[in-house]
Amino acid sequence: MNNMAVCNYIVGVLGAVIGGLIMQAAAAFPLEFTENGPGPGFWPFTLGAVLGAVSVLLLLYTFVNKTDLHGVKVQLSSTGNKRVLFNDGLCCCVLCAHQHSRLLSGSGTYDCGCYASYGLSQL
């Protein structure tokens, strides 16, 4: 599993699935433009579509160049990868702790002024 082609296939399929799920979830909200701007589902739907498209491009690239990519080994346990994964985990922990503290303190209501225009109540 430690060659680039296999890793690209895994990442491509996961990205396409996640992009599709994001698009499906965002389609539950209005997507059209109004006088106040795009609907609340527009940008998540667009980002899900971009993620899906880039994932399909990665899969096509890997399929076309599979003979070259099978020779490229992926070193998941290298020092550089360990640093990146540690920093990603640290950022996730900090963001989750910050979000949790905002919700516990009562300041996590996300008042952006757009709730009334869509007839929604605040969280």
N, C-alpha and C. Protein backbone atom coordinates (compact mmCIF):
# COMPACT_ATOMS: atom_id res chain seq x y z
N MET A 1 0.82 -1.20 0.00
CA MET A 1 0.00 0.00 0.00
C MET A 1 0.86 1.26 0.00
N ASN A 2 2.13 1.15 0.13
CA ASN A 2 2.94 2.34 0.27
C ASN A 2 3.48 2.85 -1.07
N ASN A 3 2.74 2.64 -2.17
CA ASN A 3 3.14 3.30 -3.40
C ASN A 3 2.14 4.41 -3.71
N MET A 4 2.57 5.37 -4.49
CA MET A 4 1.79 6.58 -4.73
C MET A 4 0.47 6.30 -5.44
N ALA A 5 0.43 5.32 -6.34
CA ALA A 5 -0.80 5.04 -7.08
C ALA A 5 -1.91 4.59 -6.13
N VAL A 6 -1.60 3.68 -5.23
CA VAL A 6 -2.61 3.19 -4.29
C VAL A 6 -3.09 4.31 -3.38
N CYS A 7 -2.16 5.11 -2.88
CA CYS A 7 -2.53 6.24 -2.01
C CYS A 7 -3.41 7.25 -2.77
N ASN A 8 -3.08 7.52 -4.03
CA ASN A 8 -3.88 8.43 -4.83
C ASN A 8 -5.29 7.90 -5.05
N TYR A 9 -5.40 6.59 -5.29
CA TYR A 9 -6.74 6.00 -5.47
C TYR A 9 -7.56 6.12 -4.19
N ILE A 10 -6.94 5.86 -3.06
CA ILE A 10 -7.66 5.96 -1.78
C ILE A 10 -8.11 7.40 -1.53
N VAL A 11 -7.19 8.34 -1.69
CA VAL A 11 -7.52 9.75 -1.45
C VAL A 11 -8.55 10.25 -2.46
N GLY A 12 -8.43 9.82 -3.71
CA GLY A 12 -9.38 10.24 -4.74
C GLY A 12 -10.79 9.75 -4.46
N VAL A 13 -10.92 8.49 -4.09
CA VAL A 13 -12.25 7.95 -3.80
C VAL A 13 -12.83 8.60 -2.55
N LEU A 14 -12.03 8.74 -1.49
CA LEU A 14 -12.52 9.39 -0.27
C LEU A 14 -12.92 10.84 -0.53
N GLY A 15 -12.12 11.56 -1.31
CA GLY A 15 -12.45 12.95 -1.63
C GLY A 15 -13.73 13.06 -2.43
N ALA A 16 -13.93 12.17 -3.40
CA ALA A 16 -15.16 12.20 -4.19
C ALA A 16 -16.39 11.89 -3.34
N VAL A 17 -16.25 10.91 -2.45
CA VAL A 17 -17.37 10.55 -1.58
C VAL A 17 -17.69 11.69 -0.61
N ILE A 18 -16.67 12.26 0.01
CA ILE A 18 -16.89 13.37 0.95
C ILE A 18 -17.47 14.58 0.22
N GLY A 19 -16.96 14.89 -0.97
CA GLY A 19 -17.50 15.99 -1.77
C GLY A 19 -18.97 15.77 -2.10
N GLY A 20 -19.32 14.54 -2.47
CA GLY A 20 -20.72 14.23 -2.76
C GLY A 20 -21.61 14.37 -1.54
N LEU A 21 -21.10 13.92 -0.38
CA LEU A 21 -21.88 14.05 0.86
C LEU A 21 -22.07 15.52 1.24
N ILE A 22 -21.04 16.34 1.05
CA ILE A 22 -21.15 17.77 1.33
C ILE A 22 -22.19 18.40 0.41
N MET A 23 -22.16 18.03 -0.87
CA MET A 23 -23.13 18.58 -1.81
C MET A 23 -24.55 18.15 -1.44
N GLN A 24 -24.72 16.90 -1.03
CA GLN A 24 -26.03 16.41 -0.64
C GLN A 24 -26.56 17.16 0.59
N ALA A 25 -25.70 17.37 1.57
CA ALA A 25 -26.11 18.09 2.77
C ALA A 25 -26.42 19.56 2.47
N ALA A 26 -25.62 20.17 1.60
CA ALA A 26 -25.83 21.59 1.28
C ALA A 26 -27.07 21.80 0.43
N ALA A 27 -27.48 20.78 -0.32
CA ALA A 27 -28.67 20.92 -1.18
C ALA A 27 -29.95 21.04 -0.36
N ALA A 28 -29.90 20.73 0.93
CA ALA A 28 -31.07 20.89 1.79
C ALA A 28 -31.35 22.36 2.11
N PHE A 29 -30.39 23.22 1.84
CA PHE A 29 -30.54 24.66 2.08
C PHE A 29 -30.72 25.38 0.75
N PRO A 30 -31.29 26.59 0.77
CA PRO A 30 -31.45 27.34 -0.48
C PRO A 30 -30.09 27.65 -1.12
N LEU A 31 -30.00 27.43 -2.43
CA LEU A 31 -28.76 27.66 -3.16
C LEU A 31 -28.79 28.94 -3.99
N GLU A 32 -29.97 29.47 -4.25
CA GLU A 32 -30.10 30.58 -5.20
C GLU A 32 -29.64 31.91 -4.60
N PHE A 33 -29.35 32.84 -5.50
CA PHE A 33 -28.94 34.19 -5.12
C PHE A 33 -30.18 35.02 -4.85
N THR A 34 -30.12 35.82 -3.80
CA THR A 34 -31.18 36.76 -3.47
C THR A 34 -30.57 38.16 -3.41
N GLU A 35 -31.36 39.13 -3.00
CA GLU A 35 -30.82 40.48 -2.87
C GLU A 35 -29.80 40.56 -1.74
N ASN A 36 -29.83 39.58 -0.83
CA ASN A 36 -28.88 39.53 0.28
C ASN A 36 -27.63 38.72 -0.04
N GLY A 37 -27.55 38.16 -1.25
CA GLY A 37 -26.41 37.34 -1.62
C GLY A 37 -26.82 35.90 -1.84
N PRO A 38 -25.85 35.02 -1.89
CA PRO A 38 -26.19 33.62 -2.13
C PRO A 38 -26.86 32.98 -0.91
N GLY A 39 -27.64 31.94 -1.19
CA GLY A 39 -28.30 31.21 -0.12
C GLY A 39 -27.30 30.50 0.77
N PRO A 40 -27.72 30.03 1.94
CA PRO A 40 -26.79 29.42 2.89
C PRO A 40 -26.19 28.10 2.40
N GLY A 41 -26.76 27.48 1.39
CA GLY A 41 -26.20 26.24 0.88
C GLY A 41 -25.29 26.40 -0.31
N PHE A 42 -25.18 27.64 -0.83
CA PHE A 42 -24.43 27.86 -2.08
C PHE A 42 -22.95 27.54 -1.93
N TRP A 43 -22.28 28.14 -0.95
CA TRP A 43 -20.83 27.95 -0.83
C TRP A 43 -20.46 26.54 -0.39
N PRO A 44 -21.17 25.93 0.58
CA PRO A 44 -20.85 24.53 0.87
C PRO A 44 -21.05 23.62 -0.34
N PHE A 45 -22.13 23.85 -1.12
CA PHE A 45 -22.36 23.04 -2.31
C PHE A 45 -21.23 23.24 -3.32
N THR A 46 -20.81 24.50 -3.51
CA THR A 46 -19.73 24.79 -4.45
C THR A 46 -18.42 24.15 -4.01
N LEU A 47 -18.10 24.25 -2.72
CA LEU A 47 -16.86 23.64 -2.22
C LEU A 47 -16.91 22.12 -2.32
N GLY A 48 -18.07 21.52 -2.08
CA GLY A 48 -18.22 20.08 -2.25
C GLY A 48 -18.03 19.67 -3.70
N ALA A 49 -18.56 20.48 -4.63
CA ALA A 49 -18.38 20.19 -6.06
C ALA A 49 -16.92 20.32 -6.47
N VAL A 50 -16.23 21.33 -5.95
CA VAL A 50 -14.81 21.50 -6.27
C VAL A 50 -14.00 20.33 -5.71
N LEU A 51 -14.29 19.91 -4.48
CA LEU A 51 -13.59 18.76 -3.90
C LEU A 51 -13.83 17.51 -4.72
N GLY A 52 -15.06 17.29 -5.14
CA GLY A 52 -15.37 16.14 -5.98
C GLY A 52 -14.66 16.19 -7.32
N ALA A 53 -14.64 17.37 -7.94
CA ALA A 53 -13.99 17.51 -9.25
C ALA A 53 -12.48 17.30 -9.15
N VAL A 54 -11.85 17.87 -8.13
CA VAL A 54 -10.41 17.68 -7.96
C VAL A 54 -10.09 16.21 -7.66
N SER A 55 -10.96 15.54 -6.92
CA SER A 55 -10.76 14.13 -6.64
C SER A 55 -10.86 13.29 -7.91
N VAL A 56 -11.81 13.61 -8.76
CA VAL A 56 -11.93 12.89 -10.03
C VAL A 56 -10.70 13.15 -10.90
N LEU A 57 -10.21 14.39 -10.90
CA LEU A 57 -8.98 14.69 -11.65
C LEU A 57 -7.80 13.89 -11.12
N LEU A 58 -7.69 13.76 -9.81
CA LEU A 58 -6.62 12.96 -9.22
C LEU A 58 -6.74 11.49 -9.64
N LEU A 59 -7.97 10.97 -9.65
CA LEU A 59 -8.16 9.59 -10.08
C LEU A 59 -7.80 9.40 -11.56
N LEU A 60 -8.18 10.36 -12.41
CA LEU A 60 -7.84 10.28 -13.83
C LEU A 60 -6.33 10.37 -14.04
N TYR A 61 -5.68 11.30 -13.34
CA TYR A 61 -4.23 11.45 -13.44
C TYR A 61 -3.52 10.16 -13.02
N THR A 62 -4.00 9.58 -11.92
CA THR A 62 -3.39 8.35 -11.43
C THR A 62 -3.61 7.20 -12.41
N PHE A 63 -4.80 7.12 -13.00
CA PHE A 63 -5.07 6.06 -13.97
C PHE A 63 -4.18 6.19 -15.20
N VAL A 64 -3.99 7.42 -15.69
CA VAL A 64 -3.16 7.64 -16.87
C VAL A 64 -1.69 7.36 -16.58
N ASN A 65 -1.21 7.73 -15.40
CA ASN A 65 0.21 7.60 -15.05
C ASN A 65 0.48 6.49 -14.05
N LYS A 66 -0.34 5.45 -14.03
CA LYS A 66 -0.21 4.43 -12.99
C LYS A 66 1.12 3.68 -13.03
N THR A 67 1.69 3.49 -14.21
CA THR A 67 2.97 2.76 -14.26
C THR A 67 4.09 3.57 -13.61
N ASP A 68 4.09 4.89 -13.82
CA ASP A 68 5.11 5.74 -13.19
C ASP A 68 4.89 5.85 -11.69
N LEU A 69 3.62 5.93 -11.27
CA LEU A 69 3.32 6.15 -9.86
C LEU A 69 3.49 4.89 -9.01
N HIS A 70 3.45 3.71 -9.62
CA HIS A 70 3.66 2.48 -8.84
C HIS A 70 5.09 2.39 -8.33
N GLY A 71 6.02 3.05 -9.01
CA GLY A 71 7.41 3.02 -8.57
C GLY A 71 7.74 4.02 -7.49
N VAL A 72 6.84 4.97 -7.22
CA VAL A 72 7.08 6.01 -6.21
C VAL A 72 6.58 5.50 -4.87
N LYS A 73 7.48 5.37 -3.93
CA LYS A 73 7.12 4.89 -2.60
C LYS A 73 6.73 6.05 -1.70
N VAL A 74 5.74 5.82 -0.84
CA VAL A 74 5.27 6.82 0.11
C VAL A 74 5.80 6.45 1.48
N GLN A 75 6.52 7.36 2.09
CA GLN A 75 7.12 7.15 3.41
C GLN A 75 6.23 7.80 4.48
N LEU A 76 5.19 7.10 4.91
CA LEU A 76 4.28 7.67 5.90
C LEU A 76 4.94 7.88 7.26
N SER A 77 5.96 7.12 7.55
CA SER A 77 6.60 7.24 8.87
C SER A 77 7.84 8.13 8.84
N SER A 78 7.97 8.96 7.80
CA SER A 78 9.12 9.86 7.75
C SER A 78 8.96 10.98 8.78
N THR A 79 10.06 11.61 9.10
CA THR A 79 10.05 12.68 10.10
C THR A 79 9.16 13.84 9.66
N GLY A 80 9.22 14.20 8.39
CA GLY A 80 8.40 15.30 7.89
C GLY A 80 6.91 15.01 8.00
N ASN A 81 6.51 13.79 7.63
CA ASN A 81 5.09 13.43 7.73
C ASN A 81 4.63 13.38 9.18
N LYS A 82 5.48 12.91 10.07
CA LYS A 82 5.11 12.88 11.49
C LYS A 82 4.89 14.29 12.02
N ARG A 83 5.73 15.23 11.60
CA ARG A 83 5.57 16.63 12.04
C ARG A 83 4.26 17.21 11.52
N VAL A 84 3.96 16.95 10.26
CA VAL A 84 2.72 17.48 9.67
C VAL A 84 1.51 16.90 10.39
N LEU A 85 1.49 15.60 10.61
CA LEU A 85 0.36 14.97 11.29
C LEU A 85 0.23 15.45 12.73
N PHE A 86 1.33 15.66 13.41
CA PHE A 86 1.29 16.20 14.76
C PHE A 86 0.70 17.61 14.77
N ASN A 87 1.15 18.45 13.84
CA ASN A 87 0.64 19.82 13.77
C ASN A 87 -0.84 19.84 13.40
N ASP A 88 -1.26 18.96 12.49
CA ASP A 88 -2.68 18.88 12.14
C ASP A 88 -3.52 18.50 13.35
N GLY A 89 -3.04 17.49 14.10
CA GLY A 89 -3.75 17.07 15.30
C GLY A 89 -3.80 18.16 16.36
N LEU A 90 -2.70 18.87 16.51
CA LEU A 90 -2.66 19.96 17.47
C LEU A 90 -3.64 21.07 17.09
N CYS A 91 -3.68 21.43 15.81
CA CYS A 91 -4.62 22.46 15.34
C CYS A 91 -6.07 22.02 15.58
N CYS A 92 -6.37 20.76 15.30
CA CYS A 92 -7.72 20.25 15.53
C CYS A 92 -8.09 20.33 17.00
N CYS A 93 -7.16 19.96 17.88
CA CYS A 93 -7.42 20.02 19.32
C CYS A 93 -7.66 21.45 19.78
N VAL A 94 -6.86 22.38 19.31
CA VAL A 94 -7.01 23.78 19.70
C VAL A 94 -8.34 24.33 19.20
N LEU A 95 -8.69 24.04 17.95
CA LEU A 95 -9.96 24.54 17.41
C LEU A 95 -11.16 23.92 18.13
N CYS A 96 -11.10 22.64 18.43
CA CYS A 96 -12.19 22.00 19.15
C CYS A 96 -12.32 22.56 20.57
N ALA A 97 -11.20 22.78 21.23
CA ALA A 97 -11.23 23.35 22.59
C ALA A 97 -11.80 24.76 22.56
N HIS A 98 -11.41 25.55 21.56
CA HIS A 98 -11.93 26.91 21.44
C HIS A 98 -13.43 26.89 21.20
N GLN A 99 -13.88 26.02 20.29
CA GLN A 99 -15.31 25.94 19.98
C GLN A 99 -16.08 25.47 21.22
N HIS A 100 -15.55 24.50 21.92
CA HIS A 100 -16.21 23.99 23.12
C HIS A 100 -16.32 25.07 24.19
N SER A 101 -15.27 25.85 24.37
CA SER A 101 -15.30 26.90 25.37
C SER A 101 -16.28 28.00 24.99
N ARG A 102 -16.43 28.29 23.70
CA ARG A 102 -17.41 29.30 23.26
C ARG A 102 -18.82 28.83 23.53
N LEU A 103 -19.09 27.55 23.28
CA LEU A 103 -20.44 27.04 23.51
C LEU A 103 -20.76 26.98 24.99
N LEU A 104 -19.77 26.63 25.81
CA LEU A 104 -20.01 26.58 27.25
C LEU A 104 -20.20 27.97 27.85
N SER A 105 -19.52 28.96 27.31
CA SER A 105 -19.63 30.31 27.86
C SER A 105 -20.88 31.04 27.39
N GLY A 106 -21.58 30.48 26.42
CA GLY A 106 -22.80 31.13 25.93
C GLY A 106 -22.55 32.10 24.80
N SER A 107 -21.30 32.27 24.38
CA SER A 107 -21.02 33.21 23.29
C SER A 107 -20.99 32.51 21.95
N GLY A 108 -21.39 31.26 21.90
CA GLY A 108 -21.35 30.50 20.65
C GLY A 108 -22.65 30.54 19.88
N THR A 109 -23.34 31.70 19.88
CA THR A 109 -24.63 31.78 19.21
C THR A 109 -24.49 32.12 17.73
N TYR A 110 -23.31 32.54 17.30
CA TYR A 110 -23.03 32.82 15.89
C TYR A 110 -24.02 33.84 15.31
N ASP A 111 -24.17 34.95 15.98
CA ASP A 111 -25.09 35.99 15.51
C ASP A 111 -24.44 36.74 14.36
N CYS A 112 -24.86 36.44 13.13
CA CYS A 112 -24.29 37.13 11.98
C CYS A 112 -25.31 38.06 11.33
N GLY A 113 -26.52 38.17 11.89
CA GLY A 113 -27.50 39.09 11.35
C GLY A 113 -28.27 38.55 10.15
N CYS A 114 -27.97 37.37 9.69
CA CYS A 114 -28.66 36.85 8.51
C CYS A 114 -29.78 35.88 8.88
N TYR A 115 -29.96 35.61 10.16
CA TYR A 115 -31.00 34.66 10.55
C TYR A 115 -32.39 35.19 10.23
N ALA A 116 -32.62 36.47 10.49
CA ALA A 116 -33.94 37.04 10.26
C ALA A 116 -34.31 37.02 8.78
N SER A 117 -33.34 37.22 7.89
CA SER A 117 -33.65 37.27 6.47
C SER A 117 -34.09 35.90 5.94
N TYR A 118 -33.71 34.83 6.63
CA TYR A 118 -34.13 33.48 6.22
C TYR A 118 -35.21 32.91 7.14
N GLY A 119 -35.66 33.70 8.09
CA GLY A 119 -36.70 33.25 8.99
C GLY A 119 -36.23 32.18 9.96
N LEU A 120 -34.94 32.18 10.29
CA LEU A 120 -34.38 31.17 11.18
C LEU A 120 -34.14 31.77 12.55
N SER A 121 -34.21 30.93 13.56
CA SER A 121 -33.86 31.38 14.90
C SER A 121 -32.39 31.10 15.12
N GLN A 122 -31.81 31.80 16.09
CA GLN A 122 -30.40 31.60 16.39
C GLN A 122 -30.21 30.26 17.06
N LEU A 123 -28.97 29.73 16.96
CA LEU A 123 -28.64 28.45 17.59
C LEU A 123 -28.56 28.61 19.09
